[in-house]
Amino acid sequence: MPEQEIKYTDAFEELQQIVEEIEDGSISVDQLSEKVKRAAELIKVCKKKLTATEEDVNKILKELEN
């Protein structure tokens, strides 16, 4: 699934699932690298969406001030 199509909540939930799998030891050493790479991608998606949302909110607030 391309990054831009992932919703923030979906990315965050998948990230939480990966963290839980790592914490409870259900991921094999062979899968660990793949899971960490996927987690990094998900973190980038979440960060990008949060930054875009913050910019939108700031823009709206500035418009309201005028």
PDB file of N, CA and C in Angstrom:
ATOM      1  N   MET A   1       0.850  -1.183   0.000  1.00  0.00           N
ATOM      2  CA  MET A   1       0.000   0.000   0.000  1.00  0.00           C
ATOM      3  C   MET A   1       0.894   1.246   0.000  1.00  0.00           C
ATOM      4  N   PRO A   2       0.751   2.119  -1.004  1.00  0.00           N
ATOM      5  CA  PRO A   2       1.568   3.336  -1.044  1.00  0.00           C
ATOM      6  C   PRO A   2       1.333   4.202   0.183  1.00  0.00           C
ATOM      7  N   GLU A   3       2.399   4.877   0.615  1.00  0.00           N
ATOM      8  CA  GLU A   3       2.333   5.676   1.844  1.00  0.00           C
ATOM      9  C   GLU A   3       1.203   6.696   1.836  1.00  0.00           C
ATOM     10  N   GLN A   4       1.003   7.402   0.723  1.00  0.00           N
ATOM     11  CA  GLN A   4       0.007   8.461   0.711  1.00  0.00           C
ATOM     12  C   GLN A   4      -1.415   7.941   0.852  1.00  0.00           C
ATOM     13  N   GLU A   5      -1.634   6.659   0.636  1.00  0.00           N
ATOM     14  CA  GLU A   5      -2.968   6.094   0.768  1.00  0.00           C
ATOM     15  C   GLU A   5      -3.266   5.619   2.195  1.00  0.00           C
ATOM     16  N   ILE A   6      -2.272   5.540   3.031  1.00  0.00           N
ATOM     17  CA  ILE A   6      -2.464   5.062   4.394  1.00  0.00           C
ATOM     18  C   ILE A   6      -3.009   6.200   5.251  1.00  0.00           C
ATOM     19  N   LYS A   7      -4.095   5.923   5.959  1.00  0.00           N
ATOM     20  CA  LYS A   7      -4.640   6.909   6.886  1.00  0.00           C
ATOM     21  C   LYS A   7      -3.790   6.897   8.150  1.00  0.00           C
ATOM     22  N   TYR A   8      -3.764   8.036   8.825  1.00  0.00           N
ATOM     23  CA  TYR A   8      -2.973   8.163  10.046  1.00  0.00           C
ATOM     24  C   TYR A   8      -3.348   7.088  11.060  1.00  0.00           C
ATOM     25  N   THR A   9      -4.639   6.906  11.280  1.00  0.00           N
ATOM     26  CA  THR A   9      -5.069   5.942  12.297  1.00  0.00           C
ATOM     27  C   THR A   9      -4.656   4.519  11.929  1.00  0.00           C
ATOM     28  N   ASP A  10      -4.722   4.186  10.637  1.00  0.00           N
ATOM     29  CA  ASP A  10      -4.306   2.856  10.196  1.00  0.00           C
ATOM     30  C   ASP A  10      -2.808   2.662  10.399  1.00  0.00           C
ATOM     31  N   ALA A  11      -2.031   3.679  10.047  1.00  0.00           N
ATOM     32  CA  ALA A  11      -0.586   3.605  10.215  1.00  0.00           C
ATOM     33  C   ALA A  11      -0.228   3.476  11.694  1.00  0.00           C
ATOM     34  N   PHE A  12      -0.899   4.267  12.533  1.00  0.00           N
ATOM     35  CA  PHE A  12      -0.619   4.239  13.964  1.00  0.00           C
ATOM     36  C   PHE A  12      -0.975   2.884  14.568  1.00  0.00           C
ATOM     37  N   GLU A  13      -2.114   2.329  14.156  1.00  0.00           N
ATOM     38  CA  GLU A  13      -2.522   1.016  14.671  1.00  0.00           C
ATOM     39  C   GLU A  13      -1.544  -0.083  14.249  1.00  0.00           C
ATOM     40  N   GLU A  14      -1.099  -0.027  12.993  1.00  0.00           N
ATOM     41  CA  GLU A  14      -0.131  -1.026  12.523  1.00  0.00           C
ATOM     42  C   GLU A  14       1.185  -0.881  13.283  1.00  0.00           C
ATOM     43  N   LEU A  15       1.585   0.344  13.528  1.00  0.00           N
ATOM     44  CA  LEU A  15       2.807   0.601  14.286  1.00  0.00           C
ATOM     45  C   LEU A  15       2.690   0.044  15.704  1.00  0.00           C
ATOM     46  N   GLN A  16       1.549   0.250  16.341  1.00  0.00           N
ATOM     47  CA  GLN A  16       1.328  -0.297  17.685  1.00  0.00           C
ATOM     48  C   GLN A  16       1.404  -1.824  17.674  1.00  0.00           C
ATOM     49  N   GLN A  17       0.849  -2.425  16.644  1.00  0.00           N
ATOM     50  CA  GLN A  17       0.873  -3.884  16.534  1.00  0.00           C
ATOM     51  C   GLN A  17       2.312  -4.395  16.408  1.00  0.00           C
ATOM     52  N   ILE A  18       3.114  -3.709  15.598  1.00  0.00           N
ATOM     53  CA  ILE A  18       4.520  -4.104  15.443  1.00  0.00           C
ATOM     54  C   ILE A  18       5.249  -3.996  16.771  1.00  0.00           C
ATOM     55  N   VAL A  19       5.014  -2.898  17.490  1.00  0.00           N
ATOM     56  CA  VAL A  19       5.666  -2.708  18.794  1.00  0.00           C
ATOM     57  C   VAL A  19       5.266  -3.826  19.759  1.00  0.00           C
ATOM     58  N   GLU A  20       3.986  -4.164  19.784  1.00  0.00           N
ATOM     59  CA  GLU A  20       3.522  -5.245  20.661  1.00  0.00           C
ATOM     60  C   GLU A  20       4.181  -6.574  20.301  1.00  0.00           C
ATOM     61  N   GLU A  21       4.281  -6.855  18.998  1.00  0.00           N
ATOM     62  CA  GLU A  21       4.911  -8.102  18.562  1.00  0.00           C
ATOM     63  C   GLU A  21       6.375  -8.162  18.977  1.00  0.00           C
ATOM     64  N   ILE A  22       7.054  -7.031  18.870  1.00  0.00           N
ATOM     65  CA  ILE A  22       8.466  -6.981  19.270  1.00  0.00           C
ATOM     66  C   ILE A  22       8.584  -7.168  20.780  1.00  0.00           C
ATOM     67  N   GLU A  23       7.718  -6.482  21.526  1.00  0.00           N
ATOM     68  CA  GLU A  23       7.779  -6.557  22.988  1.00  0.00           C
ATOM     69  C   GLU A  23       7.470  -7.948  23.522  1.00  0.00           C
ATOM     70  N   ASP A  24       6.504  -8.636  22.908  1.00  0.00           N
ATOM     71  CA  ASP A  24       6.157  -9.957  23.443  1.00  0.00           C
ATOM     72  C   ASP A  24       6.993 -11.086  22.840  1.00  0.00           C
ATOM     73  N   GLY A  25       7.919 -10.717  21.955  1.00  0.00           N
ATOM     74  CA  GLY A  25       8.846 -11.715  21.418  1.00  0.00           C
ATOM     75  C   GLY A  25       8.255 -12.627  20.367  1.00  0.00           C
ATOM     76  N   SER A  26       7.126 -12.247  19.764  1.00  0.00           N
ATOM     77  CA  SER A  26       6.496 -13.116  18.773  1.00  0.00           C
ATOM     78  C   SER A  26       7.093 -12.953  17.375  1.00  0.00           C
ATOM     79  N   ILE A  27       8.047 -12.050  17.225  1.00  0.00           N
ATOM     80  CA  ILE A  27       8.711 -11.853  15.928  1.00  0.00           C
ATOM     81  C   ILE A  27      10.045 -12.586  15.958  1.00  0.00           C
ATOM     82  N   SER A  28      10.278 -13.364  14.914  1.00  0.00           N
ATOM     83  CA  SER A  28      11.552 -14.077  14.818  1.00  0.00           C
ATOM     84  C   SER A  28      12.656 -13.098  14.441  1.00  0.00           C
ATOM     85  N   VAL A  29      13.874 -13.498  14.665  1.00  0.00           N
ATOM     86  CA  VAL A  29      15.017 -12.663  14.309  1.00  0.00           C
ATOM     87  C   VAL A  29      15.000 -12.366  12.805  1.00  0.00           C
ATOM     88  N   ASP A  30      14.558 -13.344  12.025  1.00  0.00           N
ATOM     89  CA  ASP A  30      14.496 -13.168  10.575  1.00  0.00           C
ATOM     90  C   ASP A  30      13.482 -12.091  10.176  1.00  0.00           C
ATOM     91  N   GLN A  31      12.418 -11.950  10.931  1.00  0.00           N
ATOM     92  CA  GLN A  31      11.372 -10.968  10.628  1.00  0.00           C
ATOM     93  C   GLN A  31      11.663  -9.598  11.227  1.00  0.00           C
ATOM     94  N   LEU A  32      12.536  -9.551  12.203  1.00  0.00           N
ATOM     95  CA  LEU A  32      12.765  -8.317  12.950  1.00  0.00           C
ATOM     96  C   LEU A  32      13.194  -7.157  12.054  1.00  0.00           C
ATOM     97  N   SER A  33      14.149  -7.387  11.176  1.00  0.00           N
ATOM     98  CA  SER A  33      14.628  -6.320  10.299  1.00  0.00           C
ATOM     99  C   SER A  33      13.506  -5.787   9.431  1.00  0.00           C
ATOM    100  N   GLU A  34      12.698  -6.686   8.881  1.00  0.00           N
ATOM    101  CA  GLU A  34      11.566  -6.286   8.038  1.00  0.00           C
ATOM    102  C   GLU A  34      10.567  -5.459   8.833  1.00  0.00           C
ATOM    103  N   LYS A  35      10.281  -5.886  10.050  1.00  0.00           N
ATOM    104  CA  LYS A  35       9.316  -5.172  10.893  1.00  0.00           C
ATOM    105  C   LYS A  35       9.836  -3.789  11.282  1.00  0.00           C
ATOM    106  N   VAL A  36      11.128  -3.694  11.579  1.00  0.00           N
ATOM    107  CA  VAL A  36      11.711  -2.402  11.951  1.00  0.00           C
ATOM    108  C   VAL A  36      11.673  -1.446  10.759  1.00  0.00           C
ATOM    109  N   LYS A  37      11.957  -1.958   9.567  1.00  0.00           N
ATOM    110  CA  LYS A  37      11.878  -1.114   8.363  1.00  0.00           C
ATOM    111  C   LYS A  37      10.453  -0.624   8.143  1.00  0.00           C
ATOM    112  N   ARG A  38       9.483  -1.516   8.312  1.00  0.00           N
ATOM    113  CA  ARG A  38       8.071  -1.134   8.150  1.00  0.00           C
ATOM    114  C   ARG A  38       7.687  -0.098   9.203  1.00  0.00           C
ATOM    115  N   ALA A  39       8.142  -0.289  10.429  1.00  0.00           N
ATOM    116  CA  ALA A  39       7.845   0.671  11.494  1.00  0.00           C
ATOM    117  C   ALA A  39       8.405   2.045  11.152  1.00  0.00           C
ATOM    118  N   ALA A  40       9.609   2.086  10.601  1.00  0.00           N
ATOM    119  CA  ALA A  40      10.216   3.362  10.212  1.00  0.00           C
ATOM    120  C   ALA A  40       9.373   4.054   9.143  1.00  0.00           C
ATOM    121  N   GLU A  41       8.868   3.281   8.176  1.00  0.00           N
ATOM    122  CA  GLU A  41       8.000   3.846   7.134  1.00  0.00           C
ATOM    123  C   GLU A  41       6.721   4.422   7.754  1.00  0.00           C
ATOM    124  N   LEU A  42       6.142   3.675   8.682  1.00  0.00           N
ATOM    125  CA  LEU A  42       4.906   4.114   9.322  1.00  0.00           C
ATOM    126  C   LEU A  42       5.128   5.375  10.147  1.00  0.00           C
ATOM    127  N   ILE A  43       6.258   5.456  10.822  1.00  0.00           N
ATOM    128  CA  ILE A  43       6.579   6.651  11.608  1.00  0.00           C
ATOM    129  C   ILE A  43       6.688   7.865  10.686  1.00  0.00           C
ATOM    130  N   LYS A  44       7.315   7.680   9.524  1.00  0.00           N
ATOM    131  CA  LYS A  44       7.428   8.777   8.557  1.00  0.00           C
ATOM    132  C   LYS A  44       6.046   9.231   8.093  1.00  0.00           C
ATOM    133  N   VAL A  45       5.162   8.274   7.813  1.00  0.00           N
ATOM    134  CA  VAL A  45       3.800   8.603   7.382  1.00  0.00           C
ATOM    135  C   VAL A  45       3.090   9.410   8.466  1.00  0.00           C
ATOM    136  N   CYS A  46       3.149   8.935   9.701  1.00  0.00           N
ATOM    137  CA  CYS A  46       2.479   9.621  10.811  1.00  0.00           C
ATOM    138  C   CYS A  46       3.041  11.029  11.005  1.00  0.00           C
ATOM    139  N   LYS A  47       4.357  11.142  10.966  1.00  0.00           N
ATOM    140  CA  LYS A  47       4.993  12.446  11.164  1.00  0.00           C
ATOM    141  C   LYS A  47       4.593  13.419  10.061  1.00  0.00           C
ATOM    142  N   LYS A  48       4.569  12.928   8.823  1.00  0.00           N
ATOM    143  CA  LYS A  48       4.191  13.769   7.690  1.00  0.00           C
ATOM    144  C   LYS A  48       2.746  14.251   7.822  1.00  0.00           C
ATOM    145  N   LYS A  49       1.862  13.353   8.210  1.00  0.00           N
ATOM    146  CA  LYS A  49       0.454  13.714   8.345  1.00  0.00           C
ATOM    147  C   LYS A  49       0.244  14.690   9.509  1.00  0.00           C
ATOM    148  N   LEU A  50       0.965  14.485  10.612  1.00  0.00           N
ATOM    149  CA  LEU A  50       0.847  15.399  11.749  1.00  0.00           C
ATOM    150  C   LEU A  50       1.357  16.791  11.392  1.00  0.00           C
ATOM    151  N   THR A  51       2.457  16.842  10.660  1.00  0.00           N
ATOM    152  CA  THR A  51       3.018  18.127  10.241  1.00  0.00           C
ATOM    153  C   THR A  51       2.045  18.854   9.316  1.00  0.00           C
ATOM    154  N   ALA A  52       1.465  18.121   8.368  1.00  0.00           N
ATOM    155  CA  ALA A  52       0.501  18.727   7.443  1.00  0.00           C
ATOM    156  C   ALA A  52      -0.724  19.238   8.192  1.00  0.00           C
ATOM    157  N   THR A  53      -1.193  18.476   9.154  1.00  0.00           N
ATOM    158  CA  THR A  53      -2.351  18.887   9.943  1.00  0.00           C
ATOM    159  C   THR A  53      -2.037  20.138  10.753  1.00  0.00           C
ATOM    160  N   GLU A  54      -0.852  20.169  11.359  1.00  0.00           N
ATOM    161  CA  GLU A  54      -0.456  21.339  12.141  1.00  0.00           C
ATOM    162  C   GLU A  54      -0.402  22.589  11.255  1.00  0.00           C
ATOM    163  N   GLU A  55       0.148  22.434  10.052  1.00  0.00           N
ATOM    164  CA  GLU A  55       0.222  23.572   9.132  1.00  0.00           C
ATOM    165  C   GLU A  55      -1.174  24.049   8.739  1.00  0.00           C
ATOM    166  N   ASP A  56      -2.081  23.105   8.476  1.00  0.00           N
ATOM    167  CA  ASP A  56      -3.453  23.466   8.125  1.00  0.00           C
ATOM    168  C   ASP A  56      -4.140  24.211   9.272  1.00  0.00           C
ATOM    169  N   VAL A  57      -3.985  23.708  10.479  1.00  0.00           N
ATOM    170  CA  VAL A  57      -4.607  24.343  11.649  1.00  0.00           C
ATOM    171  C   VAL A  57      -4.037  25.748  11.852  1.00  0.00           C
ATOM    172  N   ASN A  58      -2.725  25.893  11.744  1.00  0.00           N
ATOM    173  CA  ASN A  58      -2.112  27.214  11.901  1.00  0.00           C
ATOM    174  C   ASN A  58      -2.614  28.187  10.840  1.00  0.00           C
ATOM    175  N   LYS A  59      -2.777  27.695   9.614  1.00  0.00           N
ATOM    176  CA  LYS A  59      -3.286  28.539   8.529  1.00  0.00           C
ATOM    177  C   LYS A  59      -4.707  29.003   8.842  1.00  0.00           C
ATOM    178  N   ILE A  60      -5.535  28.091   9.307  1.00  0.00           N
ATOM    179  CA  ILE A  60      -6.916  28.424   9.651  1.00  0.00           C
ATOM    180  C   ILE A  60      -6.958  29.438  10.788  1.00  0.00           C
ATOM    181  N   LEU A  61      -6.118  29.227  11.803  1.00  0.00           N
ATOM    182  CA  LEU A  61      -6.087  30.165  12.934  1.00  0.00           C
ATOM    183  C   LEU A  61      -5.653  31.548  12.503  1.00  0.00           C
ATOM    184  N   LYS A  62      -4.685  31.634  11.593  1.00  0.00           N
ATOM    185  CA  LYS A  62      -4.240  32.943  11.096  1.00  0.00           C
ATOM    186  C   LYS A  62      -5.353  33.626  10.324  1.00  0.00           C
ATOM    187  N   GLU A  63      -6.111  32.851   9.543  1.00  0.00           N
ATOM    188  CA  GLU A  63      -7.229  33.416   8.793  1.00  0.00           C
ATOM    189  C   GLU A  63      -8.308  33.938   9.732  1.00  0.00           C
ATOM    190  N   LEU A  64      -8.515  33.257  10.840  1.00  0.00           N
ATOM    191  CA  LEU A  64      -9.514  33.700  11.805  1.00  0.00           C
ATOM    192  C   LEU A  64      -9.106  34.991  12.502  1.00  0.00           C
ATOM    193  N   GLU A  65      -7.813  35.201  12.650  1.00  0.00           N
ATOM    194  CA  GLU A  65      -7.320  36.421  13.304  1.00  0.00           C
ATOM    195  C   GLU A  65      -7.587  37.661  12.449  1.00  0.00           C
ATOM    196  N   ASN A  66      -7.631  37.476  11.141  1.00  0.00           N
ATOM    197  CA  ASN A  66      -7.799  38.626  10.225  1.00  0.00           C
ATOM    198  C   ASN A  66      -9.214  39.052  10.072  1.00  0.00           C
TER     199      ASN A  66
END
